[in-house]
Amino acid sequence: MKKIIPILLILSLVIYVSSCEKDDICVDGDTPLLVIGFYDIDDTTASKDVPSLRIKEIILDSTINTITDRSSSLDSIGIPLRSDATATSFAFITNSADDADTGEETGNIDTLTFSYTTREAFLSRACGFVMNFDNLSVTLPASANNWIQDIKVVQESIENSNNVHVKIYY
């Protein structure tokens, strides 16, 4: 009897420890941002800071919160795409400022539309699903006033925010 009690205690401890589930903590559970790099049109390998950059999402009519508004030291940015649509339009504003009298935007505004298809990806029980984006394309209406001179889609699939997906030359 004395030998059975310690064996039962050890066995019940092993069963208790093995029945515990690991904590479900989501570390990588964010839908990736579209990463855009800005480059010099004359030297396409050199990154270039955009002076006083502001980016507004057109439908929501609000500035994005993933970058510092009107920052002058950004050569790359990450912006969120709409997961409830197949296109997102942004106003890219360089030399952004408010008019002292009217309060209206005085910078040079180019409107870019990013088109894509959405794809849900299951990460884990803790993270659930995230949205990935495929078949990325960009349109910029032609205008003599465009500050953006060329756009190249480097990566058509957006599955993480580690690499530049689109290069903008100005």
C-alpha atoms as a PDB file:
ATOM      1  CA  MET A   1       0.000   0.000   0.000  1.00  0.00           C
ATOM      2  CA  LYS A   2       2.881   2.350   0.811  1.00  0.00           C
ATOM      3  CA  LYS A   3       4.302   1.854  -2.708  1.00  0.00           C
ATOM      4  CA  ILE A   4       0.966   2.501  -4.452  1.00  0.00           C
ATOM      5  CA  ILE A   5       0.346   5.953  -2.911  1.00  0.00           C
ATOM      6  CA  PRO A   6       3.578   7.558  -4.259  1.00  0.00           C
ATOM      7  CA  ILE A   7       2.999   5.960  -7.672  1.00  0.00           C
ATOM      8  CA  LEU A   8      -0.566   7.340  -7.756  1.00  0.00           C
ATOM      9  CA  LEU A   9       0.665  10.797  -6.726  1.00  0.00           C
ATOM     10  CA  ILE A  10       3.334  10.834  -9.444  1.00  0.00           C
ATOM     11  CA  LEU A  11       0.871   9.520 -12.029  1.00  0.00           C
ATOM     12  CA  SER A  12      -1.756  12.138 -11.136  1.00  0.00           C
ATOM     13  CA  LEU A  13       0.891  14.897 -11.301  1.00  0.00           C
ATOM     14  CA  VAL A  14       1.990  13.733 -14.764  1.00  0.00           C
ATOM     15  CA  ILE A  15      -1.618  13.637 -15.970  1.00  0.00           C
ATOM     16  CA  TYR A  16      -2.303  17.111 -14.548  1.00  0.00           C
ATOM     17  CA  VAL A  17       0.793  18.693 -16.136  1.00  0.00           C
ATOM     18  CA  SER A  18       0.245  17.042 -19.519  1.00  0.00           C
ATOM     19  CA  SER A  19      -3.396  18.143 -19.686  1.00  0.00           C
ATOM     20  CA  CYS A  20      -2.569  21.854 -19.479  1.00  0.00           C
ATOM     21  CA  GLU A  21      -2.891  23.791 -22.706  1.00  0.00           C
ATOM     22  CA  LYS A  22      -0.212  26.227 -23.699  1.00  0.00           C
ATOM     23  CA  ASP A  23      -1.113  29.884 -23.572  1.00  0.00           C
ATOM     24  CA  ASP A  24      -2.416  31.192 -26.875  1.00  0.00           C
ATOM     25  CA  ILE A  25      -0.630  34.457 -27.415  1.00  0.00           C
ATOM     26  CA  CYS A  26      -0.720  36.049 -30.824  1.00  0.00           C
ATOM     27  CA  VAL A  27       2.544  37.714 -31.790  1.00  0.00           C
ATOM     28  CA  ASP A  28       2.307  37.921 -35.597  1.00  0.00           C
ATOM     29  CA  GLY A  29      -1.411  38.428 -36.054  1.00  0.00           C
ATOM     30  CA  ASP A  30      -1.670  41.693 -37.949  1.00  0.00           C
ATOM     31  CA  THR A  31      -2.858  42.166 -41.496  1.00  0.00           C
ATOM     32  CA  PRO A  32       0.236  43.369 -43.366  1.00  0.00           C
ATOM     33  CA  LEU A  33       0.672  46.961 -44.453  1.00  0.00           C
ATOM     34  CA  LEU A  34       1.456  48.009 -48.008  1.00  0.00           C
ATOM     35  CA  VAL A  35       5.092  49.147 -47.887  1.00  0.00           C
ATOM     36  CA  ILE A  36       5.999  51.958 -50.266  1.00  0.00           C
ATOM     37  CA  GLY A  37       9.527  53.186 -50.900  1.00  0.00           C
ATOM     38  CA  PHE A  38      10.320  56.600 -52.368  1.00  0.00           C
ATOM     39  CA  TYR A  39      13.209  56.886 -54.835  1.00  0.00           C
ATOM     40  CA  ASP A  40      15.003  59.550 -56.820  1.00  0.00           C
ATOM     41  CA  ILE A  41      13.829  59.630 -60.443  1.00  0.00           C
ATOM     42  CA  ASP A  42      17.366  60.522 -61.627  1.00  0.00           C
ATOM     43  CA  ASP A  43      19.114  57.786 -59.614  1.00  0.00           C
ATOM     44  CA  THR A  44      16.550  54.984 -59.289  1.00  0.00           C
ATOM     45  CA  THR A  45      18.654  53.080 -56.750  1.00  0.00           C
ATOM     46  CA  ALA A  46      18.821  55.965 -54.264  1.00  0.00           C
ATOM     47  CA  SER A  47      16.041  56.374 -51.732  1.00  0.00           C
ATOM     48  CA  LYS A  48      14.702  59.887 -51.312  1.00  0.00           C
ATOM     49  CA  ASP A  49      12.854  61.575 -48.454  1.00  0.00           C
ATOM     50  CA  VAL A  50       9.507  63.170 -49.289  1.00  0.00           C
ATOM     51  CA  PRO A  51       9.200  66.692 -47.868  1.00  0.00           C
ATOM     52  CA  SER A  52       6.248  67.239 -45.541  1.00  0.00           C
ATOM     53  CA  LEU A  53       4.356  64.104 -46.603  1.00  0.00           C
ATOM     54  CA  ARG A  54       0.699  63.653 -45.764  1.00  0.00           C
ATOM     55  CA  ILE A  55      -1.390  60.692 -46.874  1.00  0.00           C
ATOM     56  CA  LYS A  56      -5.182  60.746 -46.722  1.00  0.00           C
ATOM     57  CA  GLU A  57      -7.487  57.821 -47.389  1.00  0.00           C
ATOM     58  CA  ILE A  58     -10.025  59.138 -49.893  1.00  0.00           C
ATOM     59  CA  ILE A  59     -13.243  57.352 -48.821  1.00  0.00           C
ATOM     60  CA  LEU A  60     -12.763  57.929 -45.085  1.00  0.00           C
ATOM     61  CA  ASP A  61     -11.328  61.419 -45.732  1.00  0.00           C
ATOM     62  CA  SER A  62      -8.815  60.980 -42.945  1.00  0.00           C
ATOM     63  CA  THR A  63      -5.050  60.954 -42.626  1.00  0.00           C
ATOM     64  CA  ILE A  64      -3.533  57.553 -42.026  1.00  0.00           C
ATOM     65  CA  ASN A  65      -2.130  56.900 -38.578  1.00  0.00           C
ATOM     66  CA  THR A  66       0.719  54.530 -39.489  1.00  0.00           C
ATOM     67  CA  ILE A  67       3.130  57.385 -40.265  1.00  0.00           C
ATOM     68  CA  THR A  68       3.882  60.738 -38.676  1.00  0.00           C
ATOM     69  CA  ASP A  69       1.739  63.316 -40.462  1.00  0.00           C
ATOM     70  CA  ARG A  70       3.701  65.860 -42.509  1.00  0.00           C
ATOM     71  CA  SER A  71       6.995  64.240 -41.692  1.00  0.00           C
ATOM     72  CA  SER A  72       9.929  65.324 -43.828  1.00  0.00           C
ATOM     73  CA  SER A  73      12.234  62.394 -43.231  1.00  0.00           C
ATOM     74  CA  LEU A  74      10.347  59.433 -44.692  1.00  0.00           C
ATOM     75  CA  ASP A  75      11.850  57.428 -47.546  1.00  0.00           C
ATOM     76  CA  SER A  76       9.487  54.479 -46.971  1.00  0.00           C
ATOM     77  CA  ILE A  77       6.082  54.056 -45.373  1.00  0.00           C
ATOM     78  CA  GLY A  78       3.573  51.364 -44.468  1.00  0.00           C
ATOM     79  CA  ILE A  79      -0.085  52.082 -45.175  1.00  0.00           C
ATOM     80  CA  PRO A  80      -3.180  49.950 -44.528  1.00  0.00           C
ATOM     81  CA  LEU A  81      -5.314  48.696 -47.400  1.00  0.00           C
ATOM     82  CA  ARG A  82      -9.053  48.265 -47.006  1.00  0.00           C
ATOM     83  CA  SER A  83      -9.919  44.617 -46.404  1.00  0.00           C
ATOM     84  CA  ASP A  84     -13.610  45.193 -47.151  1.00  0.00           C
ATOM     85  CA  ALA A  85     -12.945  46.337 -50.734  1.00  0.00           C
ATOM     86  CA  THR A  86     -10.821  45.460 -53.755  1.00  0.00           C
ATOM     87  CA  ALA A  87      -9.316  48.934 -54.124  1.00  0.00           C
ATOM     88  CA  THR A  88      -8.113  51.709 -51.851  1.00  0.00           C
ATOM     89  CA  SER A  89      -7.438  55.284 -52.952  1.00  0.00           C
ATOM     90  CA  PHE A  90      -5.043  57.621 -51.196  1.00  0.00           C
ATOM     91  CA  ALA A  91      -4.117  61.251 -51.684  1.00  0.00           C
ATOM     92  CA  PHE A  92      -0.321  61.528 -51.507  1.00  0.00           C
ATOM     93  CA  ILE A  93       0.464  65.123 -50.613  1.00  0.00           C
ATOM     94  CA  THR A  94       3.987  66.510 -50.774  1.00  0.00           C
ATOM     95  CA  ASN A  95       4.889  69.869 -49.221  1.00  0.00           C
ATOM     96  CA  SER A  96       1.681  69.566 -47.224  1.00  0.00           C
ATOM     97  CA  ALA A  97       0.563  72.624 -45.274  1.00  0.00           C
ATOM     98  CA  ASP A  98      -2.649  74.378 -44.315  1.00  0.00           C
ATOM     99  CA  ASP A  99      -3.452  77.730 -45.910  1.00  0.00           C
ATOM    100  CA  ALA A 100      -3.327  80.394 -43.191  1.00  0.00           C
ATOM    101  CA  ASP A 101      -6.565  82.037 -44.347  1.00  0.00           C
ATOM    102  CA  THR A 102      -8.777  79.174 -45.499  1.00  0.00           C
ATOM    103  CA  GLY A 103      -7.220  76.210 -43.677  1.00  0.00           C
ATOM    104  CA  GLU A 104      -7.275  74.194 -46.912  1.00  0.00           C
ATOM    105  CA  GLU A 105      -4.485  71.932 -48.107  1.00  0.00           C
ATOM    106  CA  THR A 106      -1.804  73.745 -50.151  1.00  0.00           C
ATOM    107  CA  GLY A 107       0.522  70.879 -51.061  1.00  0.00           C
ATOM    108  CA  ASN A 108       0.896  69.037 -54.361  1.00  0.00           C
ATOM    109  CA  ILE A 109      -1.682  66.215 -54.367  1.00  0.00           C
ATOM    110  CA  ASP A 110      -1.487  62.993 -56.400  1.00  0.00           C
ATOM    111  CA  THR A 111      -4.261  60.425 -56.007  1.00  0.00           C
ATOM    112  CA  LEU A 112      -3.161  56.804 -56.232  1.00  0.00           C
ATOM    113  CA  THR A 113      -5.563  53.872 -56.421  1.00  0.00           C
ATOM    114  CA  PHE A 114      -4.282  50.482 -55.303  1.00  0.00           C
ATOM    115  CA  SER A 115      -6.298  47.560 -56.713  1.00  0.00           C
ATOM    116  CA  TYR A 116      -5.967  44.013 -55.382  1.00  0.00           C
ATOM    117  CA  THR A 117      -7.737  40.805 -54.504  1.00  0.00           C
ATOM    118  CA  THR A 118      -8.112  39.788 -50.877  1.00  0.00           C
ATOM    119  CA  ARG A 119      -7.282  36.405 -49.410  1.00  0.00           C
ATOM    120  CA  GLU A 120      -7.831  35.272 -45.828  1.00  0.00           C
ATOM    121  CA  ALA A 121      -5.002  33.325 -44.227  1.00  0.00           C
ATOM    122  CA  PHE A 122      -5.332  31.330 -41.010  1.00  0.00           C
ATOM    123  CA  LEU A 123      -2.363  31.963 -38.701  1.00  0.00           C
ATOM    124  CA  SER A 124      -3.234  30.151 -35.499  1.00  0.00           C
ATOM    125  CA  ARG A 125      -5.970  29.680 -32.952  1.00  0.00           C
ATOM    126  CA  ALA A 126      -4.739  32.680 -31.016  1.00  0.00           C
ATOM    127  CA  CYS A 127      -4.325  34.977 -34.017  1.00  0.00           C
ATOM    128  CA  GLY A 128      -7.186  33.717 -36.126  1.00  0.00           C
ATOM    129  CA  PHE A 129      -7.332  34.997 -39.687  1.00  0.00           C
ATOM    130  CA  VAL A 130      -5.463  37.866 -41.308  1.00  0.00           C
ATOM    131  CA  MET A 131      -6.062  39.388 -44.706  1.00  0.00           C
ATOM    132  CA  ASN A 132      -3.426  39.090 -47.410  1.00  0.00           C
ATOM    133  CA  PHE A 133      -3.551  40.932 -50.712  1.00  0.00           C
ATOM    134  CA  ASP A 134      -2.740  39.548 -54.177  1.00  0.00           C
ATOM    135  CA  ASN A 135      -2.544  40.902 -57.734  1.00  0.00           C
ATOM    136  CA  LEU A 136      -1.579  44.395 -56.574  1.00  0.00           C
ATOM    137  CA  SER A 137      -1.699  47.142 -59.185  1.00  0.00           C
ATOM    138  CA  VAL A 138      -1.469  50.937 -58.964  1.00  0.00           C
ATOM    139  CA  THR A 139      -3.042  53.675 -61.049  1.00  0.00           C
ATOM    140  CA  LEU A 140      -2.206  57.358 -61.123  1.00  0.00           C
ATOM    141  CA  PRO A 141      -4.282  59.643 -63.339  1.00  0.00           C
ATOM    142  CA  ALA A 142      -2.037  61.463 -65.828  1.00  0.00           C
ATOM    143  CA  SER A 143      -1.558  65.154 -65.129  1.00  0.00           C
ATOM    144  CA  ALA A 144       1.109  67.753 -65.816  1.00  0.00           C
ATOM    145  CA  ASN A 145       1.022  68.638 -62.095  1.00  0.00           C
ATOM    146  CA  ASN A 146       1.903  65.156 -60.783  1.00  0.00           C
ATOM    147  CA  TRP A 147       4.867  65.143 -58.440  1.00  0.00           C
ATOM    148  CA  ILE A 148       5.028  61.345 -58.752  1.00  0.00           C
ATOM    149  CA  GLN A 149       6.750  60.593 -62.048  1.00  0.00           C
ATOM    150  CA  ASP A 150       6.829  56.785 -62.080  1.00  0.00           C
ATOM    151  CA  ILE A 151       5.495  53.832 -60.085  1.00  0.00           C
ATOM    152  CA  LYS A 152       6.691  50.227 -60.061  1.00  0.00           C
ATOM    153  CA  VAL A 153       4.988  47.318 -58.306  1.00  0.00           C
ATOM    154  CA  VAL A 154       7.879  45.241 -56.962  1.00  0.00           C
ATOM    155  CA  GLN A 155       5.834  42.588 -55.175  1.00  0.00           C
ATOM    156  CA  GLU A 156       2.274  41.775 -56.275  1.00  0.00           C
ATOM    157  CA  SER A 157       1.447  39.759 -53.141  1.00  0.00           C
ATOM    158  CA  ILE A 158       1.343  41.370 -49.715  1.00  0.00           C
ATOM    159  CA  GLU A 159       1.830  38.756 -47.003  1.00  0.00           C
ATOM    160  CA  ASN A 160       4.097  40.700 -44.635  1.00  0.00           C
ATOM    161  CA  SER A 161       5.359  44.223 -44.047  1.00  0.00           C
ATOM    162  CA  ASN A 162       9.064  43.359 -44.237  1.00  0.00           C
ATOM    163  CA  ASN A 163       9.795  44.361 -47.850  1.00  0.00           C
ATOM    164  CA  VAL A 164       8.949  47.202 -50.206  1.00  0.00           C
ATOM    165  CA  HIS A 165       5.932  46.301 -52.347  1.00  0.00           C
ATOM    166  CA  VAL A 166       5.732  49.485 -54.437  1.00  0.00           C
ATOM    167  CA  LYS A 167       8.427  51.943 -55.507  1.00  0.00           C
ATOM    168  CA  ILE A 168       7.498  55.542 -56.216  1.00  0.00           C
ATOM    169  CA  TYR A 169       9.921  57.694 -58.176  1.00  0.00           C
ATOM    170  CA  TYR A 170       9.837  61.493 -58.081  1.00  0.00           C
END
